[in-house]
Amino acid sequence: MKKFMAVFIGTAEARERSGWDKLDDAKRKAREAQGMKAWMDWATAHASVIVDGGGPLGKTKRTSWNGVSDIKNNMAGYTIVKAETHEAAAKLFENHPHFTIFPGDSVEIMECLPIPGQ
């Protein structure tokens, strides 16, 4: 089986569309609890193909030829799964709680390729 990294994407537009910030505290906490239960249920259902459960991602720094700087991107979290094909890996995330309950935008799935020459 091949390995695939799934990156959970969160955008300001998706957050706005979800109405997340308009929820009162009690409703937001209830939705968070519902979302975490659904996420854990998803992880349990797919435990046999999860290589690394990953987790949320924090603030980003970029290091380049001109040093280190603070930047922003839309990556909110990650997980690594195994699947026979790229399509099969992508299908694992259909209707995922990241964007069906939480205000996430999408999940981007890419194959973890072998290092050339090894």
Protein backbone atom coordinates (compact mmCIF):
# COMPACT_ATOMS: atom_id res chain seq x y z
CA MET A 1 0.00 0.00 0.00
CA LYS A 2 1.04 3.58 -0.60
CA LYS A 3 1.13 6.33 2.02
CA PHE A 4 -0.80 9.57 1.64
CA MET A 5 -0.72 12.78 3.62
CA ALA A 6 -4.06 14.45 4.13
CA VAL A 7 -3.88 18.15 4.95
CA PHE A 8 -6.97 19.72 6.48
CA ILE A 9 -7.58 23.14 4.97
CA GLY A 10 -9.36 25.96 6.75
CA THR A 11 -10.17 29.25 5.07
CA ALA A 12 -11.79 32.45 6.26
CA GLU A 13 -14.45 31.95 3.58
CA ALA A 14 -15.35 28.47 4.86
CA ARG A 15 -15.51 29.74 8.43
CA GLU A 16 -17.81 32.58 7.34
CA ARG A 17 -19.99 30.23 5.27
CA SER A 18 -20.38 27.87 8.23
CA GLY A 19 -21.68 30.59 10.53
CA TRP A 20 -19.30 29.26 13.19
CA ASP A 21 -18.48 32.70 14.60
CA LYS A 22 -22.16 33.62 14.88
CA LEU A 23 -22.92 30.69 17.19
CA ASP A 24 -23.31 31.50 20.86
CA ASP A 25 -20.88 29.81 23.23
CA ALA A 26 -23.26 26.99 24.20
CA LYS A 27 -24.06 26.12 20.57
CA ARG A 28 -20.39 26.29 19.56
CA LYS A 29 -19.36 24.01 22.44
CA ALA A 30 -22.14 21.57 21.52
CA ARG A 31 -21.02 21.56 17.89
CA GLU A 32 -17.39 21.10 18.95
CA ALA A 33 -18.39 18.09 21.06
CA GLN A 34 -20.45 16.67 18.17
CA GLY A 35 -17.54 17.28 15.79
CA MET A 36 -14.94 15.66 18.05
CA LYS A 37 -17.15 12.60 18.54
CA ALA A 38 -17.69 12.33 14.79
CA TRP A 39 -13.93 12.77 14.16
CA MET A 40 -13.04 10.06 16.69
CA ASP A 41 -15.70 7.79 15.18
CA TRP A 42 -14.14 8.42 11.74
CA ALA A 43 -10.68 7.59 13.15
CA THR A 44 -11.98 4.40 14.76
CA ALA A 45 -13.69 3.32 11.53
CA HIS A 46 -10.46 3.91 9.58
CA ALA A 47 -7.96 2.76 12.23
CA SER A 48 -6.63 -0.01 9.99
CA VAL A 49 -5.42 2.51 7.38
CA ILE A 50 -4.28 5.38 9.60
CA VAL A 51 -0.48 5.43 9.72
CA ASP A 52 -0.18 8.62 11.78
CA GLY A 53 -3.25 10.25 13.30
CA GLY A 54 -1.56 13.63 13.03
CA GLY A 55 -3.26 16.56 14.70
CA PRO A 56 -3.90 20.27 14.53
CA LEU A 57 -1.23 22.59 13.16
CA GLY A 58 -0.13 25.80 14.86
CA LYS A 59 1.31 29.05 13.60
CA THR A 60 3.70 28.91 10.65
CA LYS A 61 7.24 30.17 10.17
CA ARG A 62 9.01 30.16 6.83
CA THR A 63 12.75 29.69 6.51
CA SER A 64 14.33 30.72 3.22
CA TRP A 65 17.49 32.26 1.78
CA ASN A 66 16.62 35.55 3.49
CA GLY A 67 16.00 34.14 6.97
CA VAL A 68 13.00 33.25 9.10
CA SER A 69 9.64 34.99 8.91
CA ASP A 70 6.11 34.54 10.23
CA ILE A 71 3.54 33.66 7.57
CA LYS A 72 -0.04 32.46 7.32
CA ASN A 73 -1.41 29.58 5.30
CA ASN A 74 -4.64 27.61 5.24
CA MET A 75 -3.28 24.35 6.68
CA ALA A 76 -5.17 23.44 9.86
CA GLY A 77 -4.09 19.84 10.53
CA TYR A 78 -2.87 16.61 8.99
CA THR A 79 -3.06 12.84 9.11
CA ILE A 80 -1.29 10.10 7.17
CA VAL A 81 -3.16 7.12 5.77
CA LYS A 82 -2.36 4.13 3.60
CA ALA A 83 -4.39 3.11 0.58
CA GLU A 84 -4.01 1.19 -2.68
CA THR A 85 -4.62 4.27 -4.84
CA HIS A 86 -4.76 8.05 -4.61
CA GLU A 87 -8.49 7.90 -5.38
CA ALA A 88 -9.07 5.39 -2.57
CA ALA A 89 -7.16 7.62 -0.14
CA ALA A 90 -9.23 10.64 -1.16
CA LYS A 91 -12.48 8.74 -0.72
CA LEU A 92 -11.59 8.08 2.93
CA PHE A 93 -12.25 11.77 3.59
CA GLU A 94 -15.63 12.11 1.87
CA ASN A 95 -18.11 13.74 4.27
CA HIS A 96 -15.38 14.18 6.90
CA PRO A 97 -16.36 16.13 10.07
CA HIS A 98 -13.63 18.69 9.27
CA PHE A 99 -16.00 20.30 6.78
CA THR A 100 -19.40 18.77 7.59
CA ILE A 101 -19.49 19.81 11.26
CA PHE A 102 -16.45 22.00 11.85
CA PRO A 103 -15.93 25.14 9.74
CA GLY A 104 -13.14 23.55 7.67
CA ASP A 105 -12.94 24.04 3.93
CA SER A 106 -11.54 20.78 2.54
CA VAL A 107 -8.98 18.01 2.86
CA GLU A 108 -6.12 17.85 0.35
CA ILE A 109 -4.60 14.40 -0.14
CA MET A 110 -1.18 13.81 -1.65
CA GLU A 111 0.95 10.71 -2.03
CA CYS A 112 4.10 10.46 0.10
CA LEU A 113 6.64 9.56 -2.59
CA PRO A 114 9.86 7.65 -1.99
CA ILE A 115 13.09 9.62 -1.85
CA PRO A 116 14.81 9.30 -5.26
CA GLY A 117 17.75 6.94 -5.31
CA GLN A 118 16.75 5.00 -2.23
